[in-house]
């Protein structure tokens, strides 16, 4: 089994007021530095000798990063309740069409030592 990964960062704000009690730290708008990692897997390598051309991986991830970076996540369709779990699935769904070998996505908040891995 071959595995390749590519990580990218983005800064974004969100609020989780619908998820938590009034006065909870996450009930108001706040921001994080996020780190997303796309993991691609293949049983065999293609003619070129790779799972997927890293130029293709980078371009797909950059398109997703641009949709998230310096945005209020709650305003993005599909991220109305932007927990790490929902965000990881959203990133996966938006990469999968361009990256057929995509197997999982992890989204982390490194400064908080928190991460969620999504594998459909």
PDB file of N, CA and C in Angstrom:
ATOM      1  N   UNK A   1       0.845  -1.178   0.000  1.00  0.00           N
ATOM      2  CA  UNK A   1       0.000   0.000   0.000  1.00  0.00           C
ATOM      3  C   UNK A   1       0.887   1.237   0.000  1.00  0.00           C
ATOM      4  N   UNK A   2       0.580   2.161  -0.869  1.00  0.00           N
ATOM      5  CA  UNK A   2       1.290   3.432  -0.929  1.00  0.00           C
ATOM      6  C   UNK A   2       0.387   4.503  -0.337  1.00  0.00           C
ATOM      7  N   UNK A   3       1.024   5.445   0.345  1.00  0.00           N
ATOM      8  CA  UNK A   3       0.267   6.529   0.960  1.00  0.00           C
ATOM      9  C   UNK A   3       1.047   7.814   0.765  1.00  0.00           C
ATOM     10  N   UNK A   4       0.350   8.849   0.361  1.00  0.00           N
ATOM     11  CA  UNK A   4       0.975  10.163   0.273  1.00  0.00           C
ATOM     12  C   UNK A   4       0.065  11.152   0.981  1.00  0.00           C
ATOM     13  N   UNK A   5       0.662  12.213   1.483  1.00  0.00           N
ATOM     14  CA  UNK A   5      -0.151  13.212   2.171  1.00  0.00           C
ATOM     15  C   UNK A   5       0.330  14.604   1.817  1.00  0.00           C
ATOM     16  N   UNK A   6      -0.599  15.540   1.955  1.00  0.00           N
ATOM     17  CA  UNK A   6      -0.306  16.942   1.694  1.00  0.00           C
ATOM     18  C   UNK A   6      -1.078  17.761   2.712  1.00  0.00           C
ATOM     19  N   UNK A   7      -0.402  18.706   3.348  1.00  0.00           N
ATOM     20  CA  UNK A   7      -1.028  19.543   4.361  1.00  0.00           C
ATOM     21  C   UNK A   7      -1.067  20.993   3.919  1.00  0.00           C
ATOM     22  N   UNK A   8      -2.099  21.684   4.384  1.00  0.00           N
ATOM     23  CA  UNK A   8      -2.213  23.115   4.128  1.00  0.00           C
ATOM     24  C   UNK A   8      -2.876  23.779   5.330  1.00  0.00           C
ATOM     25  N   UNK A   9      -2.565  25.043   5.507  1.00  0.00           N
ATOM     26  CA  UNK A   9      -3.128  25.777   6.629  1.00  0.00           C
ATOM     27  C   UNK A   9      -4.093  26.847   6.171  1.00  0.00           C
ATOM     28  N   UNK A  10      -4.952  27.252   7.094  1.00  0.00           N
ATOM     29  CA  UNK A  10      -5.845  28.375   6.843  1.00  0.00           C
ATOM     30  C   UNK A  10      -6.271  28.969   8.177  1.00  0.00           C
ATOM     31  N   UNK A  11      -6.624  30.224   8.119  1.00  0.00           N
ATOM     32  CA  UNK A  11      -7.113  30.956   9.289  1.00  0.00           C
ATOM     33  C   UNK A  11      -8.592  31.223   9.051  1.00  0.00           C
ATOM     34  N   UNK A  12      -9.411  30.967  10.065  1.00  0.00           N
ATOM     35  CA  UNK A  12     -10.842  31.191   9.885  1.00  0.00           C
ATOM     36  C   UNK A  12     -11.506  31.408  11.237  1.00  0.00           C
ATOM     37  N   UNK A  13     -12.678  32.012  11.184  1.00  0.00           N
ATOM     38  CA  UNK A  13     -13.486  32.241  12.375  1.00  0.00           C
ATOM     39  C   UNK A  13     -14.748  31.399  12.296  1.00  0.00           C
ATOM     40  N   UNK A  14     -15.317  31.122  13.461  1.00  0.00           N
ATOM     41  CA  UNK A  14     -16.598  30.428  13.529  1.00  0.00           C
ATOM     42  C   UNK A  14     -17.203  30.669  14.900  1.00  0.00           C
ATOM     43  N   UNK A  15     -18.437  30.232  15.049  1.00  0.00           N
ATOM     44  CA  UNK A  15     -19.075  30.220  16.359  1.00  0.00           C
ATOM     45  C   UNK A  15     -19.925  28.974  16.434  1.00  0.00           C
ATOM     46  N   UNK A  16     -20.010  28.425  17.631  1.00  0.00           N
ATOM     47  CA  UNK A  16     -20.734  27.172  17.826  1.00  0.00           C
ATOM     48  C   UNK A  16     -21.857  27.349  18.845  1.00  0.00           C
ATOM     49  N   UNK A  17     -22.481  28.530  18.833  1.00  0.00           N
ATOM     50  CA  UNK A  17     -23.527  28.844  19.798  1.00  0.00           C
ATOM     51  C   UNK A  17     -24.657  27.837  19.836  1.00  0.00           C
ATOM     52  N   UNK A  18     -25.002  27.242  18.685  1.00  0.00           N
ATOM     53  CA  UNK A  18     -26.089  26.258  18.642  1.00  0.00           C
ATOM     54  C   UNK A  18     -25.683  24.939  19.288  1.00  0.00           C
ATOM     55  N   UNK A  19     -24.389  24.730  19.498  1.00  0.00           N
ATOM     56  CA  UNK A  19     -23.885  23.466  20.040  1.00  0.00           C
ATOM     57  C   UNK A  19     -23.639  23.501  21.546  1.00  0.00           C
ATOM     58  N   UNK A  20     -23.516  24.697  22.108  1.00  0.00           N
ATOM     59  CA  UNK A  20     -23.053  24.816  23.491  1.00  0.00           C
ATOM     60  C   UNK A  20     -23.979  25.698  24.317  1.00  0.00           C
ATOM     61  N   UNK A  21     -23.811  25.631  25.626  1.00  0.00           N
ATOM     62  CA  UNK A  21     -24.619  26.442  26.544  1.00  0.00           C
ATOM     63  C   UNK A  21     -24.196  27.911  26.472  1.00  0.00           C
ATOM     64  N   UNK A  22     -25.112  28.810  26.764  1.00  0.00           N
ATOM     65  CA  UNK A  22     -24.749  30.235  26.805  1.00  0.00           C
ATOM     66  C   UNK A  22     -23.566  30.447  27.754  1.00  0.00           C
ATOM     67  N   UNK A  23     -22.643  31.306  27.358  1.00  0.00           N
ATOM     68  CA  UNK A  23     -21.478  31.593  28.164  1.00  0.00           C
ATOM     69  C   UNK A  23     -20.295  30.673  27.907  1.00  0.00           C
ATOM     70  N   UNK A  24     -20.505  29.575  27.176  1.00  0.00           N
ATOM     71  CA  UNK A  24     -19.408  28.673  26.823  1.00  0.00           C
ATOM     72  C   UNK A  24     -18.410  29.440  25.963  1.00  0.00           C
ATOM     73  N   UNK A  25     -17.126  29.087  26.061  1.00  0.00           N
ATOM     74  CA  UNK A  25     -16.081  29.779  25.290  1.00  0.00           C
ATOM     75  C   UNK A  25     -16.386  29.826  23.796  1.00  0.00           C
ATOM     76  N   UNK A  26     -17.030  28.789  23.263  1.00  0.00           N
ATOM     77  CA  UNK A  26     -17.260  28.725  21.820  1.00  0.00           C
ATOM     78  C   UNK A  26     -18.605  29.295  21.405  1.00  0.00           C
ATOM     79  N   UNK A  27     -19.338  29.909  22.330  1.00  0.00           N
ATOM     80  CA  UNK A  27     -20.656  30.442  21.982  1.00  0.00           C
ATOM     81  C   UNK A  27     -20.569  31.773  21.247  1.00  0.00           C
ATOM     82  N   UNK A  28     -19.411  32.367  21.220  1.00  0.00           N
ATOM     83  CA  UNK A  28     -19.235  33.638  20.510  1.00  0.00           C
ATOM     84  C   UNK A  28     -18.256  33.447  19.341  1.00  0.00           C
ATOM     85  N   UNK A  29     -18.205  34.411  18.463  1.00  0.00           N
ATOM     86  CA  UNK A  29     -17.308  34.329  17.308  1.00  0.00           C
ATOM     87  C   UNK A  29     -15.861  34.366  17.794  1.00  0.00           C
ATOM     88  N   UNK A  30     -15.087  33.438  17.268  1.00  0.00           N
ATOM     89  CA  UNK A  30     -13.663  33.348  17.595  1.00  0.00           C
ATOM     90  C   UNK A  30     -12.945  32.702  16.419  1.00  0.00           C
ATOM     91  N   UNK A  31     -11.642  32.805  16.397  1.00  0.00           N
ATOM     92  CA  UNK A  31     -10.881  32.276  15.270  1.00  0.00           C
ATOM     93  C   UNK A  31      -9.839  31.261  15.678  1.00  0.00           C
ATOM     94  N   UNK A  32      -9.391  30.517  14.677  1.00  0.00           N
ATOM     95  CA  UNK A  32      -8.367  29.493  14.873  1.00  0.00           C
ATOM     96  C   UNK A  32      -7.414  29.486  13.678  1.00  0.00           C
ATOM     97  N   UNK A  33      -6.242  28.955  13.918  1.00  0.00           N
ATOM     98  CA  UNK A  33      -5.345  28.542  12.850  1.00  0.00           C
ATOM     99  C   UNK A  33      -5.615  27.053  12.658  1.00  0.00           C
ATOM    100  N   UNK A  34      -6.041  26.674  11.463  1.00  0.00           N
ATOM    101  CA  UNK A  34      -6.363  25.280  11.163  1.00  0.00           C
ATOM    102  C   UNK A  34      -5.267  24.679  10.294  1.00  0.00           C
ATOM    103  N   UNK A  35      -5.125  23.369  10.381  1.00  0.00           N
ATOM    104  CA  UNK A  35      -4.210  22.621   9.517  1.00  0.00           C
ATOM    105  C   UNK A  35      -4.989  21.426   8.985  1.00  0.00           C
ATOM    106  N   UNK A  36      -5.089  21.335   7.663  1.00  0.00           N
ATOM    107  CA  UNK A  36      -5.779  20.203   7.029  1.00  0.00           C
ATOM    108  C   UNK A  36      -4.746  19.333   6.327  1.00  0.00           C
ATOM    109  N   UNK A  37      -4.929  18.024   6.438  1.00  0.00           N
ATOM    110  CA  UNK A  37      -4.044  17.074   5.781  1.00  0.00           C
ATOM    111  C   UNK A  37      -4.885  16.105   4.971  1.00  0.00           C
ATOM    112  N   UNK A  38      -4.599  16.032   3.684  1.00  0.00           N
ATOM    113  CA  UNK A  38      -5.256  15.087   2.782  1.00  0.00           C
ATOM    114  C   UNK A  38      -4.345  13.875   2.633  1.00  0.00           C
ATOM    115  N   UNK A  39      -4.911  12.686   2.792  1.00  0.00           N
ATOM    116  CA  UNK A  39      -4.148  11.445   2.672  1.00  0.00           C
ATOM    117  C   UNK A  39      -4.707  10.653   1.488  1.00  0.00           C
ATOM    118  N   UNK A  40      -3.828  10.310   0.560  1.00  0.00           N
ATOM    119  CA  UNK A  40      -4.204   9.535  -0.619  1.00  0.00           C
ATOM    120  C   UNK A  40      -3.549   8.166  -0.529  1.00  0.00           C
ATOM    121  N   UNK A  41      -4.266   7.131  -0.975  1.00  0.00           N
ATOM    122  CA  UNK A  41      -3.736   5.770  -0.909  1.00  0.00           C
ATOM    123  C   UNK A  41      -3.964   5.052  -2.232  1.00  0.00           C
ATOM    124  N   UNK A  42      -3.032   4.123  -2.527  1.00  0.00           N
ATOM    125  CA  UNK A  42      -3.158   3.282  -3.712  1.00  0.00           C
ATOM    126  C   UNK A  42      -2.452   1.957  -3.456  1.00  0.00           C
ATOM    127  N   UNK A  43      -3.021   0.897  -3.973  1.00  0.00           N
ATOM    128  CA  UNK A  43      -2.408  -0.424  -3.868  1.00  0.00           C
ATOM    129  C   UNK A  43      -1.186  -0.528  -4.775  1.00  0.00           C
ATOM    130  N   UNK A  44      -1.277   0.084  -5.943  1.00  0.00           N
ATOM    131  CA  UNK A  44      -0.171   0.057  -6.911  1.00  0.00           C
ATOM    132  C   UNK A  44       0.063   1.464  -7.429  1.00  0.00           C
ATOM    133  N   UNK A  45       1.229   1.664  -8.002  1.00  0.00           N
ATOM    134  CA  UNK A  45       1.557   2.963  -8.583  1.00  0.00           C
ATOM    135  C   UNK A  45       1.190   2.990 -10.054  1.00  0.00           C
ATOM    136  N   UNK A  46       0.827   4.166 -10.538  1.00  0.00           N
ATOM    137  CA  UNK A  46       0.543   4.335 -11.958  1.00  0.00           C
ATOM    138  C   UNK A  46       1.822   4.335 -12.770  1.00  0.00           C
ATOM    139  N   UNK A  47       1.681   4.522 -14.060  1.00  0.00           N
ATOM    140  CA  UNK A  47       2.835   4.529 -14.968  1.00  0.00           C
ATOM    141  C   UNK A  47       3.898   5.539 -14.566  1.00  0.00           C
ATOM    142  N   UNK A  48       3.453   6.658 -13.996  1.00  0.00           N
ATOM    143  CA  UNK A  48       4.389   7.722 -13.631  1.00  0.00           C
ATOM    144  C   UNK A  48       5.184   7.394 -12.372  1.00  0.00           C
ATOM    145  N   UNK A  49       4.757   6.374 -11.629  1.00  0.00           N
ATOM    146  CA  UNK A  49       5.481   5.997 -10.426  1.00  0.00           C
ATOM    147  C   UNK A  49       5.027   6.721  -9.169  1.00  0.00           C
ATOM    148  N   UNK A  50       3.805   7.244  -9.182  1.00  0.00           N
ATOM    149  CA  UNK A  50       3.288   7.920  -7.998  1.00  0.00           C
ATOM    150  C   UNK A  50       1.823   7.590  -7.772  1.00  0.00           C
ATOM    151  N   UNK A  51       1.333   7.913  -6.578  1.00  0.00           N
ATOM    152  CA  UNK A  51      -0.090   7.736  -6.274  1.00  0.00           C
ATOM    153  C   UNK A  51      -0.876   8.778  -7.064  1.00  0.00           C
ATOM    154  N   UNK A  52      -0.523  10.033  -6.877  1.00  0.00           N
ATOM    155  CA  UNK A  52      -1.105  11.169  -7.606  1.00  0.00           C
ATOM    156  C   UNK A  52      -0.015  12.223  -7.730  1.00  0.00           C
ATOM    157  N   UNK A  53       0.036  12.891  -8.847  1.00  0.00           N
ATOM    158  CA  UNK A  53       0.994  13.968  -9.057  1.00  0.00           C
ATOM    159  C   UNK A  53       0.792  15.025  -7.965  1.00  0.00           C
ATOM    160  N   UNK A  54       1.856  15.346  -7.230  1.00  0.00           N
ATOM    161  CA  UNK A  54       1.721  16.335  -6.166  1.00  0.00           C
ATOM    162  C   UNK A  54       1.263  17.699  -6.685  1.00  0.00           C
ATOM    163  N   UNK A  55       1.525  18.014  -7.938  1.00  0.00           N
ATOM    164  CA  UNK A  55       1.034  19.272  -8.500  1.00  0.00           C
ATOM    165  C   UNK A  55      -0.501  19.278  -8.514  1.00  0.00           C
ATOM    166  N   UNK A  56      -1.110  18.134  -8.815  1.00  0.00           N
ATOM    167  CA  UNK A  56      -2.572  18.022  -8.799  1.00  0.00           C
ATOM    168  C   UNK A  56      -3.107  18.104  -7.378  1.00  0.00           C
ATOM    169  N   UNK A  57      -2.418  17.457  -6.458  1.00  0.00           N
ATOM    170  CA  UNK A  57      -2.833  17.483  -5.049  1.00  0.00           C
ATOM    171  C   UNK A  57      -2.763  18.917  -4.521  1.00  0.00           C
ATOM    172  N   UNK A  58      -1.669  19.579  -4.788  1.00  0.00           N
ATOM    173  CA  UNK A  58      -1.474  20.956  -4.337  1.00  0.00           C
ATOM    174  C   UNK A  58      -2.551  21.877  -4.906  1.00  0.00           C
ATOM    175  N   UNK A  59      -2.865  21.743  -6.189  1.00  0.00           N
ATOM    176  CA  UNK A  59      -3.877  22.599  -6.824  1.00  0.00           C
ATOM    177  C   UNK A  59      -5.261  22.362  -6.214  1.00  0.00           C
ATOM    178  N   UNK A  60      -5.616  21.115  -5.979  1.00  0.00           N
ATOM    179  CA  UNK A  60      -6.918  20.802  -5.377  1.00  0.00           C
ATOM    180  C   UNK A  60      -6.996  21.363  -3.961  1.00  0.00           C
ATOM    181  N   UNK A  61      -5.943  21.194  -3.196  1.00  0.00           N
ATOM    182  CA  UNK A  61      -5.934  21.697  -1.822  1.00  0.00           C
ATOM    183  C   UNK A  61      -5.942  23.222  -1.786  1.00  0.00           C
ATOM    184  N   UNK A  62      -5.253  23.840  -2.717  1.00  0.00           N
ATOM    185  CA  UNK A  62      -5.235  25.305  -2.762  1.00  0.00           C
ATOM    186  C   UNK A  62      -6.628  25.853  -3.058  1.00  0.00           C
ATOM    187  N   UNK A  63      -7.391  25.194  -3.923  1.00  0.00           N
ATOM    188  CA  UNK A  63      -8.755  25.633  -4.222  1.00  0.00           C
ATOM    189  C   UNK A  63      -9.634  25.574  -2.973  1.00  0.00           C
ATOM    190  N   UNK A  64      -9.473  24.536  -2.173  1.00  0.00           N
ATOM    191  CA  UNK A  64     -10.238  24.414  -0.927  1.00  0.00           C
ATOM    192  C   UNK A  64      -9.753  25.452   0.084  1.00  0.00           C
ATOM    193  N   UNK A  65      -8.446  25.607   0.197  1.00  0.00           N
ATOM    194  CA  UNK A  65      -7.887  26.589   1.132  1.00  0.00           C
ATOM    195  C   UNK A  65      -8.425  27.987   0.842  1.00  0.00           C
ATOM    196  N   UNK A  66      -8.498  28.347  -0.434  1.00  0.00           N
ATOM    197  CA  UNK A  66      -8.993  29.669  -0.807  1.00  0.00           C
ATOM    198  C   UNK A  66     -10.446  29.881  -0.384  1.00  0.00           C
ATOM    199  N   UNK A  67     -11.244  28.818  -0.364  1.00  0.00           N
ATOM    200  CA  UNK A  67     -12.655  28.936   0.050  1.00  0.00           C
ATOM    201  C   UNK A  67     -12.790  29.117   1.554  1.00  0.00           C
ATOM    202  N   UNK A  68     -11.764  28.696   2.324  1.00  0.00           N
ATOM    203  CA  UNK A  68     -11.846  28.723   3.782  1.00  0.00           C
ATOM    204  C   UNK A  68     -11.023  29.825   4.439  1.00  0.00           C
ATOM    205  N   UNK A  69      -9.912  30.195   3.833  1.00  0.00           N
ATOM    206  CA  UNK A  69      -8.954  31.094   4.471  1.00  0.00           C
ATOM    207  C   UNK A  69      -9.527  32.489   4.702  1.00  0.00           C
ATOM    208  N   UNK A  70      -9.399  32.955   5.931  1.00  0.00           N
ATOM    209  CA  UNK A  70      -9.879  34.274   6.351  1.00  0.00           C
ATOM    210  C   UNK A  70     -11.370  34.461   6.084  1.00  0.00           C
ATOM    211  N   UNK A  71     -12.126  33.423   6.362  1.00  0.00           N
ATOM    212  CA  UNK A  71     -13.586  33.448   6.188  1.00  0.00           C
ATOM    213  C   UNK A  71     -14.266  33.153   7.529  1.00  0.00           C
ATOM    214  N   UNK A  72     -15.550  33.492   7.580  1.00  0.00           N
ATOM    215  CA  UNK A  72     -16.415  33.106   8.695  1.00  0.00           C
ATOM    216  C   UNK A  72     -17.080  31.811   8.260  1.00  0.00           C
ATOM    217  N   UNK A  73     -16.634  30.690   8.825  1.00  0.00           N
ATOM    218  CA  UNK A  73     -17.035  29.367   8.346  1.00  0.00           C
ATOM    219  C   UNK A  73     -18.549  29.158   8.355  1.00  0.00           C
ATOM    220  N   UNK A  74     -19.250  29.705   9.337  1.00  0.00           N
ATOM    221  CA  UNK A  74     -20.703  29.517   9.438  1.00  0.00           C
ATOM    222  C   UNK A  74     -21.452  30.021   8.206  1.00  0.00           C
ATOM    223  N   UNK A  75     -20.842  30.896   7.441  1.00  0.00           N
ATOM    224  CA  UNK A  75     -21.496  31.468   6.249  1.00  0.00           C
ATOM    225  C   UNK A  75     -21.246  30.651   4.981  1.00  0.00           C
ATOM    226  N   UNK A  76     -20.438  29.607   5.068  1.00  0.00           N
ATOM    227  CA  UNK A  76     -20.134  28.766   3.910  1.00  0.00           C
ATOM    228  C   UNK A  76     -21.138  27.621   3.861  1.00  0.00           C
ATOM    229  N   UNK A  77     -21.730  27.415   2.686  1.00  0.00           N
ATOM    230  CA  UNK A  77     -22.724  26.349   2.534  1.00  0.00           C
ATOM    231  C   UNK A  77     -22.142  25.005   2.958  1.00  0.00           C
ATOM    232  N   UNK A  78     -22.867  24.331   3.844  1.00  0.00           N
ATOM    233  CA  UNK A  78     -22.425  23.051   4.361  1.00  0.00           C
ATOM    234  C   UNK A  78     -21.644  23.155   5.662  1.00  0.00           C
ATOM    235  N   UNK A  79     -21.284  24.376   6.039  1.00  0.00           N
ATOM    236  CA  UNK A  79     -20.527  24.587   7.278  1.00  0.00           C
ATOM    237  C   UNK A  79     -21.290  25.472   8.264  1.00  0.00           C
ATOM    238  N   UNK A  80     -22.582  25.419   8.203  1.00  0.00           N
ATOM    239  CA  UNK A  80     -23.387  26.254   9.088  1.00  0.00           C
ATOM    240  C   UNK A  80     -23.137  25.930  10.567  1.00  0.00           C
ATOM    241  N   UNK A  81     -22.733  24.708  10.852  1.00  0.00           N
ATOM    242  CA  UNK A  81     -22.359  24.277  12.212  1.00  0.00           C
ATOM    243  C   UNK A  81     -20.955  23.693  12.124  1.00  0.00           C
ATOM    244  N   UNK A  82     -19.934  24.555  12.051  1.00  0.00           N
ATOM    245  CA  UNK A  82     -18.575  24.121  11.692  1.00  0.00           C
ATOM    246  C   UNK A  82     -17.737  23.544  12.831  1.00  0.00           C
ATOM    247  N   UNK A  83     -18.123  22.373  13.311  1.00  0.00           N
ATOM    248  CA  UNK A  83     -17.262  21.642  14.239  1.00  0.00           C
ATOM    249  C   UNK A  83     -16.081  21.079  13.455  1.00  0.00           C
ATOM    250  N   UNK A  84     -15.056  20.609  14.140  1.00  0.00           N
ATOM    251  CA  UNK A  84     -13.942  19.966  13.440  1.00  0.00           C
ATOM    252  C   UNK A  84     -14.419  18.765  12.630  1.00  0.00           C
ATOM    253  N   UNK A  85     -15.380  18.017  13.175  1.00  0.00           N
ATOM    254  CA  UNK A  85     -15.900  16.835  12.480  1.00  0.00           C
ATOM    255  C   UNK A  85     -16.574  17.220  11.166  1.00  0.00           C
ATOM    256  N   UNK A  86     -17.420  18.239  11.222  1.00  0.00           N
ATOM    257  CA  UNK A  86     -18.126  18.700  10.020  1.00  0.00           C
ATOM    258  C   UNK A  86     -17.131  19.283   9.021  1.00  0.00           C
ATOM    259  N   UNK A  87     -16.163  20.025   9.505  1.00  0.00           N
ATOM    260  CA  UNK A  87     -15.154  20.634   8.634  1.00  0.00           C
ATOM    261  C   UNK A  87     -14.310  19.573   7.936  1.00  0.00           C
ATOM    262  N   UNK A  88     -13.922  18.529   8.637  1.00  0.00           N
ATOM    263  CA  UNK A  88     -13.120  17.456   8.021  1.00  0.00           C
ATOM    264  C   UNK A  88     -13.898  16.767   6.905  1.00  0.00           C
ATOM    265  N   UNK A  89     -15.183  16.476   7.134  1.00  0.00           N
ATOM    266  CA  UNK A  89     -16.011  15.844   6.098  1.00  0.00           C
ATOM    267  C   UNK A  89     -16.203  16.787   4.920  1.00  0.00           C
ATOM    268  N   UNK A  90     -16.385  18.079   5.183  1.00  0.00           N
ATOM    269  CA  UNK A  90     -16.569  19.071   4.123  1.00  0.00           C
ATOM    270  C   UNK A  90     -15.316  19.155   3.244  1.00  0.00           C
ATOM    271  N   UNK A  91     -14.149  19.215   3.867  1.00  0.00           N
ATOM    272  CA  UNK A  91     -12.899  19.269   3.096  1.00  0.00           C
ATOM    273  C   UNK A  91     -12.763  18.000   2.258  1.00  0.00           C
ATOM    274  N   UNK A  92     -13.039  16.840   2.853  1.00  0.00           N
ATOM    275  CA  UNK A  92     -12.971  15.584   2.103  1.00  0.00           C
ATOM    276  C   UNK A  92     -13.877  15.647   0.872  1.00  0.00           C
ATOM    277  N   UNK A  93     -15.121  16.021   1.074  1.00  0.00           N
ATOM    278  CA  UNK A  93     -16.088  16.072  -0.031  1.00  0.00           C
ATOM    279  C   UNK A  93     -15.650  17.023  -1.137  1.00  0.00           C
ATOM    280  N   UNK A  94     -15.002  18.133  -0.770  1.00  0.00           N
ATOM    281  CA  UNK A  94     -14.587  19.112  -1.776  1.00  0.00           C
ATOM    282  C   UNK A  94     -13.269  18.753  -2.458  1.00  0.00           C
ATOM    283  N   UNK A  95     -12.545  17.791  -1.917  1.00  0.00           N
ATOM    284  CA  UNK A  95     -11.315  17.315  -2.576  1.00  0.00           C
ATOM    285  C   UNK A  95     -11.538  16.061  -3.411  1.00  0.00           C
ATOM    286  N   UNK A  96     -12.481  15.232  -3.019  1.00  0.00           N
ATOM    287  CA  UNK A  96     -12.643  13.889  -3.597  1.00  0.00           C
ATOM    288  C   UNK A  96     -12.828  13.897  -5.116  1.00  0.00           C
ATOM    289  N   UNK A  97     -13.588  14.823  -5.651  1.00  0.00           N
ATOM    290  CA  UNK A  97     -13.837  14.857  -7.105  1.00  0.00           C
ATOM    291  C   UNK A  97     -12.538  15.046  -7.888  1.00  0.00           C
ATOM    292  N   UNK A  98     -11.611  15.832  -7.341  1.00  0.00           N
ATOM    293  CA  UNK A  98     -10.348  16.096  -8.035  1.00  0.00           C
ATOM    294  C   UNK A  98      -9.257  15.097  -7.669  1.00  0.00           C
ATOM    295  N   UNK A  99      -9.454  14.378  -6.550  1.00  0.00           N
ATOM    296  CA  UNK A  99      -8.430  13.455  -6.064  1.00  0.00           C
ATOM    297  C   UNK A  99      -9.059  12.092  -5.784  1.00  0.00           C
ATOM    298  N   UNK A 100      -9.237  11.276  -6.811  1.00  0.00           N
ATOM    299  CA  UNK A 100      -9.911   9.979  -6.627  1.00  0.00           C
ATOM    300  C   UNK A 100      -9.240   9.050  -5.616  1.00  0.00           C
ATOM    301  N   UNK A 101      -7.937   9.182  -5.402  1.00  0.00           N
ATOM    302  CA  UNK A 101      -7.231   8.315  -4.455  1.00  0.00           C
ATOM    303  C   UNK A 101      -7.350   8.811  -3.009  1.00  0.00           C
ATOM    304  N   UNK A 102      -8.101   9.894  -2.789  1.00  0.00           N
ATOM    305  CA  UNK A 102      -8.243  10.437  -1.443  1.00  0.00           C
ATOM    306  C   UNK A 102      -8.877   9.406  -0.521  1.00  0.00           C
ATOM    307  N   UNK A 103      -8.240   9.150   0.613  1.00  0.00           N
ATOM    308  CA  UNK A 103      -8.718   8.144   1.564  1.00  0.00           C
ATOM    309  C   UNK A 103      -9.185   8.756   2.877  1.00  0.00           C
ATOM    310  N   UNK A 104      -8.573   9.870   3.266  1.00  0.00           N
ATOM    311  CA  UNK A 104      -8.972  10.504   4.519  1.00  0.00           C
ATOM    312  C   UNK A 104      -8.493  11.946   4.558  1.00  0.00           C
ATOM    313  N   UNK A 105      -9.124  12.697   5.452  1.00  0.00           N
ATOM    314  CA  UNK A 105      -8.732  14.085   5.695  1.00  0.00           C
ATOM    315  C   UNK A 105      -8.689  14.285   7.202  1.00  0.00           C
ATOM    316  N   UNK A 106      -7.638  14.942   7.639  1.00  0.00           N
ATOM    317  CA  UNK A 106      -7.562  15.338   9.042  1.00  0.00           C
ATOM    318  C   UNK A 106      -7.584  16.856   9.098  1.00  0.00           C
ATOM    319  N   UNK A 107      -8.369  17.408  10.018  1.00  0.00           N
ATOM    320  CA  UNK A 107      -8.355  18.845  10.270  1.00  0.00           C
ATOM    321  C   UNK A 107      -7.985  19.033  11.731  1.00  0.00           C
ATOM    322  N   UNK A 108      -6.996  19.888  11.963  1.00  0.00           N
ATOM    323  CA  UNK A 108      -6.477  20.095  13.308  1.00  0.00           C
ATOM    324  C   UNK A 108      -6.445  21.572  13.662  1.00  0.00           C
ATOM    325  N   UNK A 109      -6.486  21.803  14.971  1.00  0.00           N
ATOM    326  CA  UNK A 109      -6.200  23.116  15.547  1.00  0.00           C
ATOM    327  C   UNK A 109      -4.941  22.892  16.382  1.00  0.00           C
ATOM    328  N   UNK A 110      -3.784  23.033  15.746  1.00  0.00           N
ATOM    329  CA  UNK A 110      -2.525  22.661  16.400  1.00  0.00           C
ATOM    330  C   UNK A 110      -2.277  23.360  17.733  1.00  0.00           C
ATOM    331  N   UNK A 111      -2.641  24.632  17.848  1.00  0.00           N
ATOM    332  CA  UNK A 111      -2.366  25.343  19.100  1.00  0.00           C
ATOM    333  C   UNK A 111      -3.185  24.787  20.257  1.00  0.00           C
ATOM    334  N   UNK A 112      -4.284  24.109  19.957  1.00  0.00           N
ATOM    335  CA  UNK A 112      -5.127  23.506  20.992  1.00  0.00           C
ATOM    336  C   UNK A 112      -4.887  22.006  21.134  1.00  0.00           C
ATOM    337  N   UNK A 113      -4.018  21.448  20.272  1.00  0.00           N
ATOM    338  CA  UNK A 113      -3.700  20.010  20.286  1.00  0.00           C
ATOM    339  C   UNK A 113      -4.948  19.170  20.025  1.00  0.00           C
ATOM    340  N   UNK A 114      -5.795  19.636  19.095  1.00  0.00           N
ATOM    341  CA  UNK A 114      -7.037  18.948  18.747  1.00  0.00           C
ATOM    342  C   UNK A 114      -7.024  18.610  17.268  1.00  0.00           C
ATOM    343  N   UNK A 115      -7.561  17.448  16.932  1.00  0.00           N
ATOM    344  CA  UNK A 115      -7.652  17.038  15.529  1.00  0.00           C
ATOM    345  C   UNK A 115      -8.780  16.038  15.364  1.00  0.00           C
ATOM    346  N   UNK A 116      -9.350  16.036  14.169  1.00  0.00           N
ATOM    347  CA  UNK A 116     -10.373  15.052  13.790  1.00  0.00           C
ATOM    348  C   UNK A 116      -9.972  14.476  12.450  1.00  0.00           C
ATOM    349  N   UNK A 117     -10.040  13.169  12.326  1.00  0.00           N
ATOM    350  CA  UNK A 117      -9.733  12.481  11.074  1.00  0.00           C
ATOM    351  C   UNK A 117     -11.041  11.922  10.526  1.00  0.00           C
ATOM    352  N   UNK A 118     -11.311  12.203   9.243  1.00  0.00           N
ATOM    353  CA  UNK A 118     -12.523  11.709   8.576  1.00  0.00           C
ATOM    354  C   UNK A 118     -12.147  10.702   7.516  1.00  0.00           C
ATOM    355  N   UNK A 119     -12.711   9.492   7.621  1.00  0.00           N
ATOM    356  CA  UNK A 119     -12.562   8.428   6.623  1.00  0.00           C
ATOM    357  C   UNK A 119     -13.951   7.911   6.305  1.00  0.00           C
ATOM    358  N   UNK A 120     -14.457   8.180   5.122  1.00  0.00           N
ATOM    359  CA  UNK A 120     -15.822   7.694   4.806  1.00  0.00           C
ATOM    360  C   UNK A 120     -15.893   6.181   4.691  1.00  0.00           C
TER     361      UNK A 120
END
